[in-house]
Amino acid sequence: ALLAARAVGAGALTGGAAGVLLTYSVMVPNQLGWILKLYTMAEVEFVSVERIGQYISLKTEEEEQGNFYPEEDDGSSGPAKNKALSTEQLLGQLTFTNI
């Protein structure tokens, strides 16, 4: 703004040109902010696509460990029994205790 005022005073720049210069100089940071926002949004989308590609190339559990056949008495039949079950939502903060 000071440079535009000085240029107008020296006769190197007209008042209208100085107004246009000031108008566009105010808009430049806003436009740069939008460019940065769009760039970061595109980067997030590309990371998501890359992650999907990694998930597609993962081996299944059967391929990784072979076929798994449980033993006859593995406890999978009958009711489930839990003794003194506690859960935590955040590290060290129990939400349910001894249920």
PDB file of N, CA and C in Angstrom:
ATOM      1  N   ALA A   1       0.824  -1.179   0.000  1.00  0.00           N
ATOM      2  CA  ALA A   1       0.000   0.000   0.000  1.00  0.00           C
ATOM      3  C   ALA A   1       0.871   1.246   0.000  1.00  0.00           C
ATOM      4  N   LEU A   2       1.932   1.219   0.794  1.00  0.00           N
ATOM      5  CA  LEU A   2       2.827   2.374   0.844  1.00  0.00           C
ATOM      6  C   LEU A   2       3.552   2.570  -0.477  1.00  0.00           C
ATOM      7  N   LEU A   3       3.939   1.467  -1.095  1.00  0.00           N
ATOM      8  CA  LEU A   3       4.620   1.582  -2.386  1.00  0.00           C
ATOM      9  C   LEU A   3       3.681   2.138  -3.447  1.00  0.00           C
ATOM     10  N   ALA A   4       2.410   1.724  -3.417  1.00  0.00           N
ATOM     11  CA  ALA A   4       1.442   2.241  -4.386  1.00  0.00           C
ATOM     12  C   ALA A   4       1.213   3.725  -4.168  1.00  0.00           C
ATOM     13  N   ALA A   5       1.101   4.155  -2.917  1.00  0.00           N
ATOM     14  CA  ALA A   5       0.912   5.583  -2.631  1.00  0.00           C
ATOM     15  C   ALA A   5       2.122   6.383  -3.067  1.00  0.00           C
ATOM     16  N   ARG A   6       3.295   5.846  -2.850  1.00  0.00           N
ATOM     17  CA  ARG A   6       4.519   6.560  -3.258  1.00  0.00           C
ATOM     18  C   ARG A   6       4.611   6.647  -4.778  1.00  0.00           C
ATOM     19  N   ALA A   7       4.226   5.549  -5.473  1.00  0.00           N
ATOM     20  CA  ALA A   7       4.282   5.559  -6.935  1.00  0.00           C
ATOM     21  C   ALA A   7       3.272   6.540  -7.507  1.00  0.00           C
ATOM     22  N   VAL A   8       2.092   6.662  -6.888  1.00  0.00           N
ATOM     23  CA  VAL A   8       1.094   7.633  -7.346  1.00  0.00           C
ATOM     24  C   VAL A   8       1.623   9.041  -7.125  1.00  0.00           C
ATOM     25  N   GLY A   9       2.253   9.282  -5.989  1.00  0.00           N
ATOM     26  CA  GLY A   9       2.809  10.597  -5.686  1.00  0.00           C
ATOM     27  C   GLY A   9       3.922  10.978  -6.636  1.00  0.00           C
ATOM     28  N   ALA A  10       4.693  10.007  -7.089  1.00  0.00           N
ATOM     29  CA  ALA A  10       5.794  10.279  -8.012  1.00  0.00           C
ATOM     30  C   ALA A  10       5.309  10.378  -9.448  1.00  0.00           C
ATOM     31  N   GLY A  11       4.063  10.051  -9.693  1.00  0.00           N
ATOM     32  CA  GLY A  11       3.524  10.132 -11.049  1.00  0.00           C
ATOM     33  C   GLY A  11       3.797   8.902 -11.879  1.00  0.00           C
ATOM     34  N   ALA A  12       4.364   7.860 -11.294  1.00  0.00           N
ATOM     35  CA  ALA A  12       4.671   6.643 -12.037  1.00  0.00           C
ATOM     36  C   ALA A  12       3.458   5.729 -12.148  1.00  0.00           C
ATOM     37  N   LEU A  13       2.425   6.004 -11.357  1.00  0.00           N
ATOM     38  CA  LEU A  13       1.252   5.137 -11.324  1.00  0.00           C
ATOM     39  C   LEU A  13       0.020   6.012 -11.162  1.00  0.00           C
ATOM     40  N   THR A  14      -1.034   5.680 -11.906  1.00  0.00           N
ATOM     41  CA  THR A  14      -2.266   6.462 -11.781  1.00  0.00           C
ATOM     42  C   THR A  14      -3.069   5.965 -10.585  1.00  0.00           C
ATOM     43  N   GLY A  15      -4.030   6.747 -10.150  1.00  0.00           N
ATOM     44  CA  GLY A  15      -4.864   6.372  -9.010  1.00  0.00           C
ATOM     45  C   GLY A  15      -5.677   5.120  -9.275  1.00  0.00           C
ATOM     46  N   GLY A  16      -6.209   4.992 -10.487  1.00  0.00           N
ATOM     47  CA  GLY A  16      -6.988   3.801 -10.846  1.00  0.00           C
ATOM     48  C   GLY A  16      -6.138   2.548 -10.837  1.00  0.00           C
ATOM     49  N   ALA A  17      -4.927   2.662 -11.378  1.00  0.00           N
ATOM     50  CA  ALA A  17      -4.032   1.505 -11.392  1.00  0.00           C
ATOM     51  C   ALA A  17      -3.631   1.119  -9.971  1.00  0.00           C
ATOM     52  N   ALA A  18      -3.447   2.120  -9.109  1.00  0.00           N
ATOM     53  CA  ALA A  18      -3.108   1.830  -7.715  1.00  0.00           C
ATOM     54  C   ALA A  18      -4.273   1.121  -7.023  1.00  0.00           C
ATOM     55  N   GLY A  19      -5.513   1.516  -7.318  1.00  0.00           N
ATOM     56  CA  GLY A  19      -6.678   0.856  -6.739  1.00  0.00           C
ATOM     57  C   GLY A  19      -6.780  -0.594  -7.165  1.00  0.00           C
ATOM     58  N   VAL A  20      -6.546  -0.842  -8.450  1.00  0.00           N
ATOM     59  CA  VAL A  20      -6.571  -2.220  -8.946  1.00  0.00           C
ATOM     60  C   VAL A  20      -5.462  -3.031  -8.291  1.00  0.00           C
ATOM     61  N   LEU A  21      -4.278  -2.427  -8.161  1.00  0.00           N
ATOM     62  CA  LEU A  21      -3.148  -3.102  -7.533  1.00  0.00           C
ATOM     63  C   LEU A  21      -3.473  -3.475  -6.087  1.00  0.00           C
ATOM     64  N   LEU A  22      -4.057  -2.557  -5.345  1.00  0.00           N
ATOM     65  CA  LEU A  22      -4.405  -2.831  -3.953  1.00  0.00           C
ATOM     66  C   LEU A  22      -5.512  -3.882  -3.840  1.00  0.00           C
ATOM     67  N   THR A  23      -6.479  -3.833  -4.741  1.00  0.00           N
ATOM     68  CA  THR A  23      -7.568  -4.814  -4.719  1.00  0.00           C
ATOM     69  C   THR A  23      -7.035  -6.222  -4.931  1.00  0.00           C
ATOM     70  N   TYR A  24      -6.182  -6.380  -5.927  1.00  0.00           N
ATOM     71  CA  TYR A  24      -5.645  -7.707  -6.205  1.00  0.00           C
ATOM     72  C   TYR A  24      -4.634  -8.142  -5.156  1.00  0.00           C
ATOM     73  N   SER A  25      -3.910  -7.214  -4.558  1.00  0.00           N
ATOM     74  CA  SER A  25      -2.946  -7.605  -3.527  1.00  0.00           C
ATOM     75  C   SER A  25      -3.657  -8.108  -2.274  1.00  0.00           C
ATOM     76  N   VAL A  26      -4.871  -7.633  -2.017  1.00  0.00           N
ATOM     77  CA  VAL A  26      -5.650  -8.141  -0.886  1.00  0.00           C
ATOM     78  C   VAL A  26      -6.183  -9.535  -1.202  1.00  0.00           C
ATOM     79  N   MET A  27      -6.470  -9.827  -2.440  1.00  0.00           N
ATOM     80  CA  MET A  27      -7.041 -11.113  -2.826  1.00  0.00           C
ATOM     81  C   MET A  27      -5.999 -12.227  -2.898  1.00  0.00           C
ATOM     82  N   VAL A  28      -4.733 -11.887  -3.076  1.00  0.00           N
ATOM     83  CA  VAL A  28      -3.693 -12.904  -3.266  1.00  0.00           C
ATOM     84  C   VAL A  28      -3.579 -13.853  -2.066  1.00  0.00           C
ATOM     85  N   PRO A  29      -3.497 -13.385  -0.815  1.00  0.00           N
ATOM     86  CA  PRO A  29      -3.401 -14.351   0.295  1.00  0.00           C
ATOM     87  C   PRO A  29      -4.605 -15.291   0.378  1.00  0.00           C
ATOM     88  N   ASN A  30      -5.789 -14.776   0.076  1.00  0.00           N
ATOM     89  CA  ASN A  30      -6.976 -15.627   0.084  1.00  0.00           C
ATOM     90  C   ASN A  30      -6.864 -16.717  -0.984  1.00  0.00           C
ATOM     91  N   GLN A  31      -6.423 -16.341  -2.162  1.00  0.00           N
ATOM     92  CA  GLN A  31      -6.273 -17.323  -3.236  1.00  0.00           C
ATOM     93  C   GLN A  31      -5.190 -18.346  -2.901  1.00  0.00           C
ATOM     94  N   LEU A  32      -4.099 -17.899  -2.299  1.00  0.00           N
ATOM     95  CA  LEU A  32      -3.047 -18.836  -1.903  1.00  0.00           C
ATOM     96  C   LEU A  32      -3.556 -19.801  -0.831  1.00  0.00           C
ATOM     97  N   GLY A  33      -4.392 -19.317   0.060  1.00  0.00           N
ATOM     98  CA  GLY A  33      -4.993 -20.195   1.066  1.00  0.00           C
ATOM     99  C   GLY A  33      -5.860 -21.265   0.432  1.00  0.00           C
ATOM    100  N   TRP A  34      -6.642 -20.886  -0.594  1.00  0.00           N
ATOM    101  CA  TRP A  34      -7.478 -21.864  -1.290  1.00  0.00           C
ATOM    102  C   TRP A  34      -6.628 -22.886  -2.031  1.00  0.00           C
ATOM    103  N   ILE A  35      -5.542 -22.430  -2.636  1.00  0.00           N
ATOM    104  CA  ILE A  35      -4.654 -23.362  -3.338  1.00  0.00           C
ATOM    105  C   ILE A  35      -4.071 -24.366  -2.352  1.00  0.00           C
ATOM    106  N   LEU A  36      -3.639 -23.887  -1.195  1.00  0.00           N
ATOM    107  CA  LEU A  36      -3.086 -24.774  -0.178  1.00  0.00           C
ATOM    108  C   LEU A  36      -4.143 -25.754   0.320  1.00  0.00           C
ATOM    109  N   LYS A  37      -5.360 -25.286   0.524  1.00  0.00           N
ATOM    110  CA  LYS A  37      -6.445 -26.157   0.986  1.00  0.00           C
ATOM    111  C   LYS A  37      -6.739 -27.241  -0.046  1.00  0.00           C
ATOM    112  N   LEU A  38      -6.825 -26.865  -1.313  1.00  0.00           N
ATOM    113  CA  LEU A  38      -7.104 -27.851  -2.358  1.00  0.00           C
ATOM    114  C   LEU A  38      -5.971 -28.859  -2.485  1.00  0.00           C
ATOM    115  N   TYR A  39      -4.729 -28.384  -2.337  1.00  0.00           N
ATOM    116  CA  TYR A  39      -3.577 -29.285  -2.403  1.00  0.00           C
ATOM    117  C   TYR A  39      -3.630 -30.314  -1.277  1.00  0.00           C
ATOM    118  N   THR A  40      -3.921 -29.861  -0.058  1.00  0.00           N
ATOM    119  CA  THR A  40      -3.966 -30.797   1.069  1.00  0.00           C
ATOM    120  C   THR A  40      -5.138 -31.766   0.939  1.00  0.00           C
ATOM    121  N   MET A  41      -6.267 -31.296   0.414  1.00  0.00           N
ATOM    122  CA  MET A  41      -7.403 -32.200   0.203  1.00  0.00           C
ATOM    123  C   MET A  41      -7.054 -33.269  -0.833  1.00  0.00           C
ATOM    124  N   ALA A  42      -6.363 -32.876  -1.898  1.00  0.00           N
ATOM    125  CA  ALA A  42      -5.953 -33.843  -2.915  1.00  0.00           C
ATOM    126  C   ALA A  42      -4.963 -34.845  -2.329  1.00  0.00           C
ATOM    127  N   GLU A  43      -4.063 -34.374  -1.480  1.00  0.00           N
ATOM    128  CA  GLU A  43      -3.094 -35.270  -0.862  1.00  0.00           C
ATOM    129  C   GLU A  43      -3.790 -36.297   0.028  1.00  0.00           C
ATOM    130  N   VAL A  44      -4.792 -35.868   0.775  1.00  0.00           N
ATOM    131  CA  VAL A  44      -5.546 -36.795   1.627  1.00  0.00           C
ATOM    132  C   VAL A  44      -6.240 -37.848   0.767  1.00  0.00           C
ATOM    133  N   GLU A  45      -6.817 -37.424  -0.347  1.00  0.00           N
ATOM    134  CA  GLU A  45      -7.494 -38.381  -1.231  1.00  0.00           C
ATOM    135  C   GLU A  45      -6.499 -39.373  -1.829  1.00  0.00           C
ATOM    136  N   PHE A  46      -5.311 -38.903  -2.210  1.00  0.00           N
ATOM    137  CA  PHE A  46      -4.311 -39.806  -2.772  1.00  0.00           C
ATOM    138  C   PHE A  46      -3.818 -40.800  -1.726  1.00  0.00           C
ATOM    139  N   VAL A  47      -3.701 -40.373  -0.474  1.00  0.00           N
ATOM    140  CA  VAL A  47      -3.309 -41.293   0.590  1.00  0.00           C
ATOM    141  C   VAL A  47      -4.383 -42.363   0.757  1.00  0.00           C
ATOM    142  N   SER A  48      -5.644 -41.981   0.652  1.00  0.00           N
ATOM    143  CA  SER A  48      -6.733 -42.955   0.760  1.00  0.00           C
ATOM    144  C   SER A  48      -6.661 -43.973  -0.369  1.00  0.00           C
ATOM    145  N   VAL A  49      -6.397 -43.512  -1.568  1.00  0.00           N
ATOM    146  CA  VAL A  49      -6.283 -44.421  -2.712  1.00  0.00           C
ATOM    147  C   VAL A  49      -5.085 -45.345  -2.524  1.00  0.00           C
ATOM    148  N   GLU A  50      -3.977 -44.808  -2.039  1.00  0.00           N
ATOM    149  CA  GLU A  50      -2.791 -45.624  -1.794  1.00  0.00           C
ATOM    150  C   GLU A  50      -3.080 -46.691  -0.737  1.00  0.00           C
ATOM    151  N   ARG A  51      -3.808 -46.325   0.298  1.00  0.00           N
ATOM    152  CA  ARG A  51      -4.155 -47.267   1.363  1.00  0.00           C
ATOM    153  C   ARG A  51      -5.055 -48.374   0.822  1.00  0.00           C
ATOM    154  N   ILE A  52      -5.996 -48.029  -0.056  1.00  0.00           N
ATOM    155  CA  ILE A  52      -6.858 -49.050  -0.664  1.00  0.00           C
ATOM    156  C   ILE A  52      -6.015 -50.025  -1.471  1.00  0.00           C
ATOM    157  N   GLY A  53      -5.038 -49.504  -2.211  1.00  0.00           N
ATOM    158  CA  GLY A  53      -4.140 -50.371  -2.966  1.00  0.00           C
ATOM    159  C   GLY A  53      -3.368 -51.320  -2.068  1.00  0.00           C
ATOM    160  N   GLN A  54      -2.945 -50.837  -0.909  1.00  0.00           N
ATOM    161  CA  GLN A  54      -2.240 -51.705   0.034  1.00  0.00           C
ATOM    162  C   GLN A  54      -3.172 -52.767   0.599  1.00  0.00           C
ATOM    163  N   TYR A  55      -4.417 -52.398   0.892  1.00  0.00           N
ATOM    164  CA  TYR A  55      -5.378 -53.373   1.410  1.00  0.00           C
ATOM    165  C   TYR A  55      -5.674 -54.454   0.376  1.00  0.00           C
ATOM    166  N   ILE A  56      -5.755 -54.064  -0.885  1.00  0.00           N
ATOM    167  CA  ILE A  56      -6.037 -55.039  -1.937  1.00  0.00           C
ATOM    168  C   ILE A  56      -4.903 -56.046  -2.056  1.00  0.00           C
ATOM    169  N   SER A  57      -3.669 -55.592  -1.859  1.00  0.00           N
ATOM    170  CA  SER A  57      -2.524 -56.484  -2.034  1.00  0.00           C
ATOM    171  C   SER A  57      -2.211 -57.320  -0.791  1.00  0.00           C
ATOM    172  N   LEU A  58      -2.951 -57.133   0.303  1.00  0.00           N
ATOM    173  CA  LEU A  58      -2.722 -57.940   1.502  1.00  0.00           C
ATOM    174  C   LEU A  58      -3.131 -59.390   1.258  1.00  0.00           C
ATOM    175  N   LYS A  59      -2.375 -60.281   1.860  1.00  0.00           N
ATOM    176  CA  LYS A  59      -2.739 -61.689   1.784  1.00  0.00           C
ATOM    177  C   LYS A  59      -3.857 -61.958   2.783  1.00  0.00           C
ATOM    178  N   THR A  60      -4.695 -62.925   2.453  1.00  0.00           N
ATOM    179  CA  THR A  60      -5.733 -63.308   3.402  1.00  0.00           C
ATOM    180  C   THR A  60      -5.097 -64.121   4.520  1.00  0.00           C
ATOM    181  N   GLU A  61      -5.827 -64.313   5.597  1.00  0.00           N
ATOM    182  CA  GLU A  61      -5.286 -65.076   6.718  1.00  0.00           C
ATOM    183  C   GLU A  61      -4.991 -66.514   6.314  1.00  0.00           C
ATOM    184  N   GLU A  62      -5.811 -67.074   5.455  1.00  0.00           N
ATOM    185  CA  GLU A  62      -5.577 -68.448   5.018  1.00  0.00           C
ATOM    186  C   GLU A  62      -4.290 -68.543   4.216  1.00  0.00           C
ATOM    187  N   GLU A  63      -4.029 -67.558   3.371  1.00  0.00           N
ATOM    188  CA  GLU A  63      -2.791 -67.567   2.599  1.00  0.00           C
ATOM    189  C   GLU A  63      -1.583 -67.371   3.502  1.00  0.00           C
ATOM    190  N   GLU A  64      -1.744 -66.565   4.527  1.00  0.00           N
ATOM    191  CA  GLU A  64      -0.629 -66.234   5.403  1.00  0.00           C
ATOM    192  C   GLU A  64      -0.308 -67.363   6.379  1.00  0.00           C
ATOM    193  N   GLN A  65      -1.334 -68.002   6.968  1.00  0.00           N
ATOM    194  CA  GLN A  65      -1.109 -68.991   8.012  1.00  0.00           C
ATOM    195  C   GLN A  65      -1.487 -70.408   7.587  1.00  0.00           C
ATOM    196  N   GLY A  66      -2.050 -70.565   6.446  1.00  0.00           N
ATOM    197  CA  GLY A  66      -2.548 -71.867   6.051  1.00  0.00           C
ATOM    198  C   GLY A  66      -3.936 -72.085   6.616  1.00  0.00           C
ATOM    199  N   ASN A  67      -4.518 -73.211   6.322  1.00  0.00           N
ATOM    200  CA  ASN A  67      -5.859 -73.507   6.834  1.00  0.00           C
ATOM    201  C   ASN A  67      -5.778 -73.827   8.315  1.00  0.00           C
ATOM    202  N   PHE A  68      -6.722 -73.328   9.062  1.00  0.00           N
ATOM    203  CA  PHE A  68      -6.759 -73.548  10.507  1.00  0.00           C
ATOM    204  C   PHE A  68      -7.989 -74.373  10.841  1.00  0.00           C
ATOM    205  N   TYR A  69      -7.748 -75.484  11.480  1.00  0.00           N
ATOM    206  CA  TYR A  69      -8.845 -76.337  11.915  1.00  0.00           C
ATOM    207  C   TYR A  69      -8.777 -76.429  13.438  1.00  0.00           C
ATOM    208  N   PRO A  70      -9.794 -75.932  14.139  1.00  0.00           N
ATOM    209  CA  PRO A  70      -9.750 -75.956  15.606  1.00  0.00           C
ATOM    210  C   PRO A  70      -9.869 -77.376  16.145  1.00  0.00           C
ATOM    211  N   GLU A  71      -9.381 -77.551  17.368  1.00  0.00           N
ATOM    212  CA  GLU A  71      -9.490 -78.849  18.023  1.00  0.00           C
ATOM    213  C   GLU A  71     -10.951 -79.100  18.386  1.00  0.00           C
ATOM    214  N   GLU A  72     -11.253 -80.345  18.697  1.00  0.00           N
ATOM    215  CA  GLU A  72     -12.634 -80.704  19.012  1.00  0.00           C
ATOM    216  C   GLU A  72     -13.139 -79.970  20.253  1.00  0.00           C
ATOM    217  N   ASP A  73     -12.326 -79.893  21.304  1.00  0.00           N
ATOM    218  CA  ASP A  73     -12.754 -79.280  22.565  1.00  0.00           C
ATOM    219  C   ASP A  73     -12.050 -77.927  22.722  1.00  0.00           C
ATOM    220  N   ASP A  74     -12.386 -77.004  21.871  1.00  0.00           N
ATOM    221  CA  ASP A  74     -11.737 -75.686  21.930  1.00  0.00           C
ATOM    222  C   ASP A  74     -12.581 -74.659  22.662  1.00  0.00           C
ATOM    223  N   GLY A  75     -13.750 -75.046  23.166  1.00  0.00           N
ATOM    224  CA  GLY A  75     -14.593 -74.119  23.908  1.00  0.00           C
ATOM    225  C   GLY A  75     -15.480 -73.260  23.029  1.00  0.00           C
ATOM    226  N   SER A  76     -15.544 -73.560  21.738  1.00  0.00           N
ATOM    227  CA  SER A  76     -16.358 -72.734  20.845  1.00  0.00           C
ATOM    228  C   SER A  76     -17.836 -73.084  20.924  1.00  0.00           C
ATOM    229  N   SER A  77     -18.159 -74.236  21.488  1.00  0.00           N
ATOM    230  CA  SER A  77     -19.571 -74.586  21.628  1.00  0.00           C
ATOM    231  C   SER A  77     -20.006 -74.323  23.063  1.00  0.00           C
ATOM    232  N   GLY A  78     -21.255 -73.965  23.227  1.00  0.00           N
ATOM    233  CA  GLY A  78     -21.782 -73.664  24.551  1.00  0.00           C
ATOM    234  C   GLY A  78     -21.745 -72.166  24.820  1.00  0.00           C
ATOM    235  N   PRO A  79     -22.205 -71.783  26.004  1.00  0.00           N
ATOM    236  CA  PRO A  79     -22.267 -70.347  26.317  1.00  0.00           C
ATOM    237  C   PRO A  79     -20.877 -69.759  26.583  1.00  0.00           C
ATOM    238  N   ALA A  80     -20.738 -68.485  26.280  1.00  0.00           N
ATOM    239  CA  ALA A  80     -19.481 -67.785  26.562  1.00  0.00           C
ATOM    240  C   ALA A  80     -19.477 -67.357  28.017  1.00  0.00           C
ATOM    241  N   LYS A  81     -18.351 -67.526  28.675  1.00  0.00           N
ATOM    242  CA  LYS A  81     -18.242 -67.165  30.085  1.00  0.00           C
ATOM    243  C   LYS A  81     -17.083 -66.189  30.254  1.00  0.00           C
ATOM    244  N   ASN A  82     -17.369 -65.084  30.913  1.00  0.00           N
ATOM    245  CA  ASN A  82     -16.338 -64.097  31.220  1.00  0.00           C
ATOM    246  C   ASN A  82     -16.332 -63.864  32.715  1.00  0.00           C
ATOM    247  N   LYS A  83     -15.150 -63.802  33.281  1.00  0.00           N
ATOM    248  CA  LYS A  83     -15.029 -63.525  34.708  1.00  0.00           C
ATOM    249  C   LYS A  83     -14.219 -62.248  34.872  1.00  0.00           C
ATOM    250  N   ALA A  84     -14.754 -61.315  35.626  1.00  0.00           N
ATOM    251  CA  ALA A  84     -14.061 -60.063  35.964  1.00  0.00           C
ATOM    252  C   ALA A  84     -13.595 -59.336  34.700  1.00  0.00           C
ATOM    253  N   LEU A  85     -14.522 -59.092  33.787  1.00  0.00           N
ATOM    254  CA  LEU A  85     -14.204 -58.406  32.537  1.00  0.00           C
ATOM    255  C   LEU A  85     -14.231 -56.897  32.756  1.00  0.00           C
ATOM    256  N   SER A  86     -13.161 -56.216  32.384  1.00  0.00           N
ATOM    257  CA  SER A  86     -13.087 -54.755  32.481  1.00  0.00           C
ATOM    258  C   SER A  86     -12.677 -54.204  31.125  1.00  0.00           C
ATOM    259  N   THR A  87     -13.277 -53.092  30.745  1.00  0.00           N
ATOM    260  CA  THR A  87     -12.930 -52.453  29.474  1.00  0.00           C
ATOM    261  C   THR A  87     -12.514 -51.017  29.729  1.00  0.00           C
ATOM    262  N   GLU A  88     -11.687 -50.493  28.823  1.00  0.00           N
ATOM    263  CA  GLU A  88     -11.282 -49.097  28.936  1.00  0.00           C
ATOM    264  C   GLU A  88     -11.411 -48.415  27.587  1.00  0.00           C
ATOM    265  N   GLN A  89     -11.862 -47.176  27.618  1.00  0.00           N
ATOM    266  CA  GLN A  89     -12.010 -46.410  26.389  1.00  0.00           C
ATOM    267  C   GLN A  89     -10.748 -45.607  26.117  1.00  0.00           C
ATOM    268  N   LEU A  90     -10.216 -44.982  27.142  1.00  0.00           N
ATOM    269  CA  LEU A  90      -8.950 -44.276  27.051  1.00  0.00           C
ATOM    270  C   LEU A  90      -7.941 -45.001  27.919  1.00  0.00           C
ATOM    271  N   LEU A  91      -6.686 -44.811  27.645  1.00  0.00           N
ATOM    272  CA  LEU A  91      -5.631 -45.497  28.370  1.00  0.00           C
ATOM    273  C   LEU A  91      -5.730 -45.192  29.864  1.00  0.00           C
ATOM    274  N   GLY A  92      -5.974 -46.216  30.658  1.00  0.00           N
ATOM    275  CA  GLY A  92      -6.014 -46.056  32.102  1.00  0.00           C
ATOM    276  C   GLY A  92      -7.363 -45.650  32.667  1.00  0.00           C
ATOM    277  N   GLN A  93      -8.368 -45.391  31.839  1.00  0.00           N
ATOM    278  CA  GLN A  93      -9.688 -44.994  32.327  1.00  0.00           C
ATOM    279  C   GLN A  93     -10.679 -46.118  32.035  1.00  0.00           C
ATOM    280  N   LEU A  94     -11.001 -46.885  33.059  1.00  0.00           N
ATOM    281  CA  LEU A  94     -11.914 -48.012  32.886  1.00  0.00           C
ATOM    282  C   LEU A  94     -13.338 -47.515  32.699  1.00  0.00           C
ATOM    283  N   THR A  95     -14.026 -48.072  31.705  1.00  0.00           N
ATOM    284  CA  THR A  95     -15.426 -47.710  31.482  1.00  0.00           C
ATOM    285  C   THR A  95     -16.355 -48.719  32.145  1.00  0.00           C
ATOM    286  N   PHE A  96     -16.004 -49.991  32.074  1.00  0.00           N
ATOM    287  CA  PHE A  96     -16.751 -51.044  32.759  1.00  0.00           C
ATOM    288  C   PHE A  96     -15.755 -51.840  33.586  1.00  0.00           C
ATOM    289  N   THR A  97     -16.137 -52.159  34.820  1.00  0.00           N
ATOM    290  CA  THR A  97     -15.228 -52.872  35.710  1.00  0.00           C
ATOM    291  C   THR A  97     -15.924 -54.105  36.264  1.00  0.00           C
ATOM    292  N   ASN A  98     -15.261 -55.234  36.131  1.00  0.00           N
ATOM    293  CA  ASN A  98     -15.710 -56.510  36.704  1.00  0.00           C
ATOM    294  C   ASN A  98     -17.157 -56.844  36.352  1.00  0.00           C
ATOM    295  N   ILE A  99     -17.453 -56.899  35.082  1.00  0.00           N
ATOM    296  CA  ILE A  99     -18.803 -57.298  34.675  1.00  0.00           C
ATOM    297  C   ILE A  99     -18.798 -58.742  34.228  1.00  0.00           C
TER     298      ILE A  99
END
